[in-house]
């Protein structure tokens, strides 16, 4: 199936089951850099010299504050991502 047809088919299925509804979500990078994994594509790996910002796991209070701000902005889902 050509790409355009695949996208159209996926859109029809989504509309059938979900309609035009859009869920807003937000993520926070809760820990950045110094990852021990050797993923060649990732700028957070400790194995490569990059300009990615590095910081330890955020404190619980800061994560909760960010989650509340995102909720106030309309986000219905909130996720945490971390290096490693």
PDB file of N, CA and C in Angstrom:
ATOM      1  N   UNK A   1       0.857  -1.174   0.000  1.00  0.00           N
ATOM      2  CA  UNK A   1       0.000   0.000   0.000  1.00  0.00           C
ATOM      3  C   UNK A   1       0.900   1.231   0.000  1.00  0.00           C
ATOM      4  N   UNK A   2       0.675   2.152  -0.942  1.00  0.00           N
ATOM      5  CA  UNK A   2       1.467   3.385  -0.966  1.00  0.00           C
ATOM      6  C   UNK A   2       1.300   4.169   0.339  1.00  0.00           C
ATOM      7  N   UNK A   3       2.297   4.966   0.638  1.00  0.00           N
ATOM      8  CA  UNK A   3       2.315   5.715   1.892  1.00  0.00           C
ATOM      9  C   UNK A   3       1.078   6.591   2.069  1.00  0.00           C
ATOM     10  N   UNK A   4       0.681   7.313   1.050  1.00  0.00           N
ATOM     11  CA  UNK A   4      -0.473   8.204   1.133  1.00  0.00           C
ATOM     12  C   UNK A   4      -1.738   7.411   1.480  1.00  0.00           C
ATOM     13  N   UNK A   5      -1.896   6.251   0.865  1.00  0.00           N
ATOM     14  CA  UNK A   5      -3.062   5.403   1.139  1.00  0.00           C
ATOM     15  C   UNK A   5      -3.019   4.878   2.577  1.00  0.00           C
ATOM     16  N   UNK A   6      -1.837   4.553   3.067  1.00  0.00           N
ATOM     17  CA  UNK A   6      -1.695   4.071   4.451  1.00  0.00           C
ATOM     18  C   UNK A   6      -2.098   5.147   5.446  1.00  0.00           C
ATOM     19  N   UNK A   7      -1.670   6.368   5.190  1.00  0.00           N
ATOM     20  CA  UNK A   7      -2.011   7.482   6.081  1.00  0.00           C
ATOM     21  C   UNK A   7      -3.516   7.730   6.048  1.00  0.00           C
ATOM     22  N   UNK A   8      -4.104   7.689   4.858  1.00  0.00           N
ATOM     23  CA  UNK A   8      -5.553   7.905   4.739  1.00  0.00           C
ATOM     24  C   UNK A   8      -6.321   6.798   5.467  1.00  0.00           C
ATOM     25  N   UNK A   9      -5.863   5.559   5.344  1.00  0.00           N
ATOM     26  CA  UNK A   9      -6.538   4.445   6.019  1.00  0.00           C
ATOM     27  C   UNK A   9      -6.420   4.592   7.535  1.00  0.00           C
ATOM     28  N   UNK A  10      -5.264   4.969   8.013  1.00  0.00           N
ATOM     29  CA  UNK A  10      -5.076   5.170   9.452  1.00  0.00           C
ATOM     30  C   UNK A  10      -5.964   6.292   9.962  1.00  0.00           C
ATOM     31  N   UNK A  11      -6.107   7.343   9.177  1.00  0.00           N
ATOM     32  CA  UNK A  11      -6.956   8.459   9.562  1.00  0.00           C
ATOM     33  C   UNK A  11      -8.426   8.043   9.626  1.00  0.00           C
ATOM     34  N   UNK A  12      -8.875   7.229   8.674  1.00  0.00           N
ATOM     35  CA  UNK A  12     -10.262   6.742   8.707  1.00  0.00           C
ATOM     36  C   UNK A  12     -10.517   5.898   9.949  1.00  0.00           C
ATOM     37  N   UNK A  13      -9.581   5.042  10.301  1.00  0.00           N
ATOM     38  CA  UNK A  13      -9.729   4.195  11.491  1.00  0.00           C
ATOM     39  C   UNK A  13      -9.760   5.053  12.750  1.00  0.00           C
ATOM     40  N   UNK A  14      -8.860   6.025  12.842  1.00  0.00           N
ATOM     41  CA  UNK A  14      -8.841   6.920  14.003  1.00  0.00           C
ATOM     42  C   UNK A  14     -10.163   7.666  14.124  1.00  0.00           C
ATOM     43  N   UNK A  15     -10.644   8.204  13.021  1.00  0.00           N
ATOM     44  CA  UNK A  15     -11.909   8.941  13.050  1.00  0.00           C
ATOM     45  C   UNK A  15     -13.079   8.051  13.453  1.00  0.00           C
ATOM     46  N   UNK A  16     -13.056   6.800  13.030  1.00  0.00           N
ATOM     47  CA  UNK A  16     -14.139   5.882  13.387  1.00  0.00           C
ATOM     48  C   UNK A  16     -14.179   5.622  14.889  1.00  0.00           C
ATOM     49  N   UNK A  17     -13.040   5.445  15.507  1.00  0.00           N
ATOM     50  CA  UNK A  17     -12.997   5.071  16.915  1.00  0.00           C
ATOM     51  C   UNK A  17     -12.827   6.245  17.873  1.00  0.00           C
ATOM     52  N   UNK A  18     -12.196   7.313  17.419  1.00  0.00           N
ATOM     53  CA  UNK A  18     -11.893   8.436  18.305  1.00  0.00           C
ATOM     54  C   UNK A  18     -12.552   9.730  17.841  1.00  0.00           C
ATOM     55  N   UNK A  19     -12.776   9.872  16.567  1.00  0.00           N
ATOM     56  CA  UNK A  19     -13.328  11.110  16.032  1.00  0.00           C
ATOM     57  C   UNK A  19     -12.252  12.156  15.892  1.00  0.00           C
ATOM     58  N   UNK A  20     -12.650  13.413  15.971  1.00  0.00           N
ATOM     59  CA  UNK A  20     -11.726  14.526  15.786  1.00  0.00           C
ATOM     60  C   UNK A  20     -11.097  14.996  17.091  1.00  0.00           C
ATOM     61  N   UNK A  21     -11.327  14.267  18.181  1.00  0.00           N
ATOM     62  CA  UNK A  21     -10.799  14.640  19.487  1.00  0.00           C
ATOM     63  C   UNK A  21      -9.268  14.606  19.480  1.00  0.00           C
ATOM     64  N   UNK A  22      -8.686  15.565  20.150  1.00  0.00           N
ATOM     65  CA  UNK A  22      -7.234  15.626  20.296  1.00  0.00           C
ATOM     66  C   UNK A  22      -6.918  15.674  21.781  1.00  0.00           C
ATOM     67  N   UNK A  23      -6.067  14.785  22.245  1.00  0.00           N
ATOM     68  CA  UNK A  23      -5.605  14.808  23.629  1.00  0.00           C
ATOM     69  C   UNK A  23      -4.264  15.535  23.672  1.00  0.00           C
ATOM     70  N   UNK A  24      -4.161  16.486  24.577  1.00  0.00           N
ATOM     71  CA  UNK A  24      -2.902  17.190  24.747  1.00  0.00           C
ATOM     72  C   UNK A  24      -2.082  16.489  25.820  1.00  0.00           C
ATOM     73  N   UNK A  25      -0.817  16.311  25.538  1.00  0.00           N
ATOM     74  CA  UNK A  25       0.055  15.703  26.532  1.00  0.00           C
ATOM     75  C   UNK A  25       1.347  16.506  26.605  1.00  0.00           C
ATOM     76  N   UNK A  26       2.058  16.312  27.688  1.00  0.00           N
ATOM     77  CA  UNK A  26       3.304  17.027  27.904  1.00  0.00           C
ATOM     78  C   UNK A  26       4.329  16.069  28.502  1.00  0.00           C
ATOM     79  N   UNK A  27       5.570  16.283  28.169  1.00  0.00           N
ATOM     80  CA  UNK A  27       6.638  15.499  28.781  1.00  0.00           C
ATOM     81  C   UNK A  27       7.656  16.457  29.390  1.00  0.00           C
ATOM     82  N   UNK A  28       8.348  15.963  30.386  1.00  0.00           N
ATOM     83  CA  UNK A  28       9.438  16.708  31.012  1.00  0.00           C
ATOM     84  C   UNK A  28      10.663  15.809  31.002  1.00  0.00           C
ATOM     85  N   UNK A  29      11.766  16.361  30.560  1.00  0.00           N
ATOM     86  CA  UNK A  29      13.022  15.638  30.612  1.00  0.00           C
ATOM     87  C   UNK A  29      13.517  15.716  32.055  1.00  0.00           C
ATOM     88  N   UNK A  30      13.291  14.659  32.822  1.00  0.00           N
ATOM     89  CA  UNK A  30      13.561  14.673  34.257  1.00  0.00           C
ATOM     90  C   UNK A  30      15.023  14.396  34.605  1.00  0.00           C
ATOM     91  N   UNK A  31      15.795  13.921  33.642  1.00  0.00           N
ATOM     92  CA  UNK A  31      17.228  13.688  33.853  1.00  0.00           C
ATOM     93  C   UNK A  31      17.876  13.763  32.478  1.00  0.00           C
ATOM     94  N   UNK A  32      18.939  14.530  32.369  1.00  0.00           N
ATOM     95  CA  UNK A  32      19.549  14.734  31.060  1.00  0.00           C
ATOM     96  C   UNK A  32      21.048  14.451  31.089  1.00  0.00           C
ATOM     97  N   UNK A  33      21.486  13.677  30.114  1.00  0.00           N
ATOM     98  CA  UNK A  33      22.913  13.423  29.924  1.00  0.00           C
ATOM     99  C   UNK A  33      23.478  12.335  30.809  1.00  0.00           C
ATOM    100  N   UNK A  34      24.759  12.054  30.569  1.00  0.00           N
ATOM    101  CA  UNK A  34      25.526  11.048  31.308  1.00  0.00           C
ATOM    102  C   UNK A  34      24.923   9.646  31.248  1.00  0.00           C
ATOM    103  N   UNK A  35      24.220   9.340  30.174  1.00  0.00           N
ATOM    104  CA  UNK A  35      23.635   8.010  30.013  1.00  0.00           C
ATOM    105  C   UNK A  35      24.740   7.009  29.703  1.00  0.00           C
ATOM    106  N   UNK A  36      24.723   5.875  30.350  1.00  0.00           N
ATOM    107  CA  UNK A  36      25.769   4.862  30.158  1.00  0.00           C
ATOM    108  C   UNK A  36      25.585   4.054  28.877  1.00  0.00           C
ATOM    109  N   UNK A  37      24.413   4.142  28.247  1.00  0.00           N
ATOM    110  CA  UNK A  37      24.173   3.392  27.007  1.00  0.00           C
ATOM    111  C   UNK A  37      24.983   4.003  25.861  1.00  0.00           C
ATOM    112  N   UNK A  38      25.318   3.175  24.874  1.00  0.00           N
ATOM    113  CA  UNK A  38      26.141   3.606  23.749  1.00  0.00           C
ATOM    114  C   UNK A  38      25.300   3.686  22.474  1.00  0.00           C
ATOM    115  N   UNK A  39      24.246   4.477  22.519  1.00  0.00           N
ATOM    116  CA  UNK A  39      23.380   4.653  21.351  1.00  0.00           C
ATOM    117  C   UNK A  39      23.991   5.749  20.483  1.00  0.00           C
ATOM    118  N   UNK A  40      24.474   5.394  19.327  1.00  0.00           N
ATOM    119  CA  UNK A  40      25.218   6.327  18.481  1.00  0.00           C
ATOM    120  C   UNK A  40      24.393   7.542  18.061  1.00  0.00           C
ATOM    121  N   UNK A  41      23.079   7.412  18.025  1.00  0.00           N
ATOM    122  CA  UNK A  41      22.209   8.499  17.584  1.00  0.00           C
ATOM    123  C   UNK A  41      21.846   9.474  18.701  1.00  0.00           C
ATOM    124  N   UNK A  42      22.163   9.148  19.960  1.00  0.00           N
ATOM    125  CA  UNK A  42      21.658   9.927  21.089  1.00  0.00           C
ATOM    126  C   UNK A  42      22.698  10.905  21.625  1.00  0.00           C
ATOM    127  N   UNK A  43      22.293  12.150  21.752  1.00  0.00           N
ATOM    128  CA  UNK A  43      23.208  13.185  22.238  1.00  0.00           C
ATOM    129  C   UNK A  43      23.402  13.130  23.755  1.00  0.00           C
ATOM    130  N   UNK A  44      22.647  12.277  24.455  1.00  0.00           N
ATOM    131  CA  UNK A  44      22.785  12.206  25.911  1.00  0.00           C
ATOM    132  C   UNK A  44      23.739  11.096  26.361  1.00  0.00           C
ATOM    133  N   UNK A  45      24.267  10.321  25.429  1.00  0.00           N
ATOM    134  CA  UNK A  45      25.190   9.247  25.778  1.00  0.00           C
ATOM    135  C   UNK A  45      26.517   9.812  26.268  1.00  0.00           C
ATOM    136  N   UNK A  46      27.025   9.247  27.352  1.00  0.00           N
ATOM    137  CA  UNK A  46      28.304   9.671  27.912  1.00  0.00           C
ATOM    138  C   UNK A  46      29.466   9.304  26.976  1.00  0.00           C
ATOM    139  N   UNK A  47      29.189   8.451  26.000  1.00  0.00           N
ATOM    140  CA  UNK A  47      30.232   7.988  25.078  1.00  0.00           C
ATOM    141  C   UNK A  47      30.567   8.988  23.982  1.00  0.00           C
ATOM    142  N   UNK A  48      29.795  10.076  23.874  1.00  0.00           N
ATOM    143  CA  UNK A  48      30.007  11.035  22.796  1.00  0.00           C
ATOM    144  C   UNK A  48      30.113  12.449  23.357  1.00  0.00           C
ATOM    145  N   UNK A  49      30.950  13.253  22.728  1.00  0.00           N
ATOM    146  CA  UNK A  49      31.148  14.639  23.142  1.00  0.00           C
ATOM    147  C   UNK A  49      30.108  15.503  22.438  1.00  0.00           C
ATOM    148  N   UNK A  50      29.068  15.903  23.178  1.00  0.00           N
ATOM    149  CA  UNK A  50      27.999  16.715  22.594  1.00  0.00           C
ATOM    150  C   UNK A  50      27.784  17.955  23.447  1.00  0.00           C
ATOM    151  N   UNK A  51      26.920  18.816  22.987  1.00  0.00           N
ATOM    152  CA  UNK A  51      26.602  20.036  23.731  1.00  0.00           C
ATOM    153  C   UNK A  51      25.286  19.885  24.498  1.00  0.00           C
ATOM    154  N   UNK A  52      24.786  18.664  24.624  1.00  0.00           N
ATOM    155  CA  UNK A  52      23.526  18.447  25.343  1.00  0.00           C
ATOM    156  C   UNK A  52      23.688  18.865  26.809  1.00  0.00           C
ATOM    157  N   UNK A  53      22.678  19.541  27.320  1.00  0.00           N
ATOM    158  CA  UNK A  53      22.678  19.939  28.720  1.00  0.00           C
ATOM    159  C   UNK A  53      22.629  18.697  29.606  1.00  0.00           C
ATOM    160  N   UNK A  54      23.401  18.701  30.669  1.00  0.00           N
ATOM    161  CA  UNK A  54      23.460  17.564  31.585  1.00  0.00           C
ATOM    162  C   UNK A  54      23.011  18.004  32.965  1.00  0.00           C
ATOM    163  N   UNK A  55      22.081  17.251  33.549  1.00  0.00           N
ATOM    164  CA  UNK A  55      21.661  17.507  34.925  1.00  0.00           C
ATOM    165  C   UNK A  55      21.092  16.225  35.525  1.00  0.00           C
ATOM    166  N   UNK A  56      21.178  16.099  36.859  1.00  0.00           N
ATOM    167  CA  UNK A  56      20.685  14.896  37.535  1.00  0.00           C
ATOM    168  C   UNK A  56      19.152  14.878  37.582  1.00  0.00           C
ATOM    169  N   UNK A  57      18.627  13.803  38.100  1.00  0.00           N
ATOM    170  CA  UNK A  57      17.180  13.644  38.225  1.00  0.00           C
ATOM    171  C   UNK A  57      16.585  14.823  38.981  1.00  0.00           C
ATOM    172  N   UNK A  58      15.526  15.406  38.415  1.00  0.00           N
ATOM    173  CA  UNK A  58      14.870  16.548  39.053  1.00  0.00           C
ATOM    174  C   UNK A  58      14.258  16.133  40.392  1.00  0.00           C
ATOM    175  N   UNK A  59      14.174  17.080  41.297  1.00  0.00           N
ATOM    176  CA  UNK A  59      13.549  16.838  42.591  1.00  0.00           C
ATOM    177  C   UNK A  59      12.037  16.674  42.408  1.00  0.00           C
ATOM    178  N   UNK A  60      11.413  15.915  43.289  1.00  0.00           N
ATOM    179  CA  UNK A  60       9.985  15.635  43.214  1.00  0.00           C
ATOM    180  C   UNK A  60       9.152  16.915  43.174  1.00  0.00           C
ATOM    181  N   UNK A  61       9.505  17.896  43.990  1.00  0.00           N
ATOM    182  CA  UNK A  61       8.754  19.154  44.032  1.00  0.00           C
ATOM    183  C   UNK A  61       8.759  19.868  42.674  1.00  0.00           C
ATOM    184  N   UNK A  62       9.913  19.857  42.009  1.00  0.00           N
ATOM    185  CA  UNK A  62      10.005  20.520  40.709  1.00  0.00           C
ATOM    186  C   UNK A  62       9.170  19.781  39.661  1.00  0.00           C
ATOM    187  N   UNK A  63       9.189  18.460  39.693  1.00  0.00           N
ATOM    188  CA  UNK A  63       8.387  17.670  38.752  1.00  0.00           C
ATOM    189  C   UNK A  63       6.905  17.949  38.975  1.00  0.00           C
ATOM    190  N   UNK A  64       6.469  17.972  40.233  1.00  0.00           N
ATOM    191  CA  UNK A  64       5.065  18.243  40.539  1.00  0.00           C
ATOM    192  C   UNK A  64       4.658  19.651  40.097  1.00  0.00           C
ATOM    193  N   UNK A  65       5.545  20.615  40.295  1.00  0.00           N
ATOM    194  CA  UNK A  65       5.259  21.991  39.874  1.00  0.00           C
ATOM    195  C   UNK A  65       5.073  22.059  38.355  1.00  0.00           C
ATOM    196  N   UNK A  66       5.951  21.386  37.623  1.00  0.00           N
ATOM    197  CA  UNK A  66       5.847  21.379  36.161  1.00  0.00           C
ATOM    198  C   UNK A  66       4.568  20.669  35.713  1.00  0.00           C
ATOM    199  N   UNK A  67       4.221  19.573  36.379  1.00  0.00           N
ATOM    200  CA  UNK A  67       2.999  18.839  36.026  1.00  0.00           C
ATOM    201  C   UNK A  67       1.767  19.720  36.243  1.00  0.00           C
ATOM    202  N   UNK A  68       1.732  20.445  37.341  1.00  0.00           N
ATOM    203  CA  UNK A  68       0.601  21.338  37.616  1.00  0.00           C
ATOM    204  C   UNK A  68       0.499  22.434  36.566  1.00  0.00           C
ATOM    205  N   UNK A  69       1.633  23.011  36.142  1.00  0.00           N
ATOM    206  CA  UNK A  69       1.628  24.048  35.110  1.00  0.00           C
ATOM    207  C   UNK A  69       1.104  23.489  33.785  1.00  0.00           C
ATOM    208  N   UNK A  70       1.504  22.284  33.466  1.00  0.00           N
ATOM    209  CA  UNK A  70       1.047  21.679  32.216  1.00  0.00           C
ATOM    210  C   UNK A  70      -0.453  21.379  32.275  1.00  0.00           C
ATOM    211  N   UNK A  71      -0.922  20.939  33.420  1.00  0.00           N
ATOM    212  CA  UNK A  71      -2.357  20.689  33.592  1.00  0.00           C
ATOM    213  C   UNK A  71      -3.138  21.988  33.422  1.00  0.00           C
ATOM    214  N   UNK A  72      -2.640  23.071  34.013  1.00  0.00           N
ATOM    215  CA  UNK A  72      -3.285  24.380  33.875  1.00  0.00           C
ATOM    216  C   UNK A  72      -3.286  24.853  32.422  1.00  0.00           C
ATOM    217  N   UNK A  73      -2.317  24.392  31.653  1.00  0.00           N
ATOM    218  CA  UNK A  73      -2.223  24.766  30.241  1.00  0.00           C
ATOM    219  C   UNK A  73      -3.081  23.872  29.344  1.00  0.00           C
ATOM    220  N   UNK A  74      -3.735  22.867  29.935  1.00  0.00           N
ATOM    221  CA  UNK A  74      -4.635  22.020  29.160  1.00  0.00           C
ATOM    222  C   UNK A  74      -4.142  20.623  28.870  1.00  0.00           C
ATOM    223  N   UNK A  75      -2.963  20.265  29.339  1.00  0.00           N
ATOM    224  CA  UNK A  75      -2.458  18.913  29.094  1.00  0.00           C
ATOM    225  C   UNK A  75      -3.270  17.893  29.896  1.00  0.00           C
ATOM    226  N   UNK A  76      -3.649  16.821  29.230  1.00  0.00           N
ATOM    227  CA  UNK A  76      -4.419  15.759  29.886  1.00  0.00           C
ATOM    228  C   UNK A  76      -3.537  14.608  30.334  1.00  0.00           C
ATOM    229  N   UNK A  77      -2.340  14.531  29.763  1.00  0.00           N
ATOM    230  CA  UNK A  77      -1.400  13.467  30.106  1.00  0.00           C
ATOM    231  C   UNK A  77      -0.050  14.114  30.368  1.00  0.00           C
ATOM    232  N   UNK A  78       0.707  13.534  31.260  1.00  0.00           N
ATOM    233  CA  UNK A  78       2.019  14.079  31.631  1.00  0.00           C
ATOM    234  C   UNK A  78       2.987  12.923  31.787  1.00  0.00           C
ATOM    235  N   UNK A  79       4.122  13.002  31.133  1.00  0.00           N
ATOM    236  CA  UNK A  79       5.098  11.925  31.212  1.00  0.00           C
ATOM    237  C   UNK A  79       6.477  12.440  31.568  1.00  0.00           C
ATOM    238  N   UNK A  80       7.258  11.568  32.163  1.00  0.00           N
ATOM    239  CA  UNK A  80       8.638  11.880  32.507  1.00  0.00           C
ATOM    240  C   UNK A  80       9.550  11.054  31.613  1.00  0.00           C
ATOM    241  N   UNK A  81      10.569  11.671  31.081  1.00  0.00           N
ATOM    242  CA  UNK A  81      11.583  10.950  30.316  1.00  0.00           C
ATOM    243  C   UNK A  81      12.926  11.197  30.982  1.00  0.00           C
ATOM    244  N   UNK A  82      13.774  10.202  30.949  1.00  0.00           N
ATOM    245  CA  UNK A  82      15.102  10.338  31.554  1.00  0.00           C
ATOM    246  C   UNK A  82      16.140   9.694  30.673  1.00  0.00           C
ATOM    247  N   UNK A  83      17.350  10.173  30.750  1.00  0.00           N
ATOM    248  CA  UNK A  83      18.439   9.498  30.057  1.00  0.00           C
ATOM    249  C   UNK A  83      18.771   8.248  30.863  1.00  0.00           C
ATOM    250  N   UNK A  84      19.245   7.256  30.159  1.00  0.00           N
ATOM    251  CA  UNK A  84      19.624   6.012  30.850  1.00  0.00           C
ATOM    252  C   UNK A  84      18.513   5.058  30.856  1.00  0.00           C
TER     253      UNK A  84
END
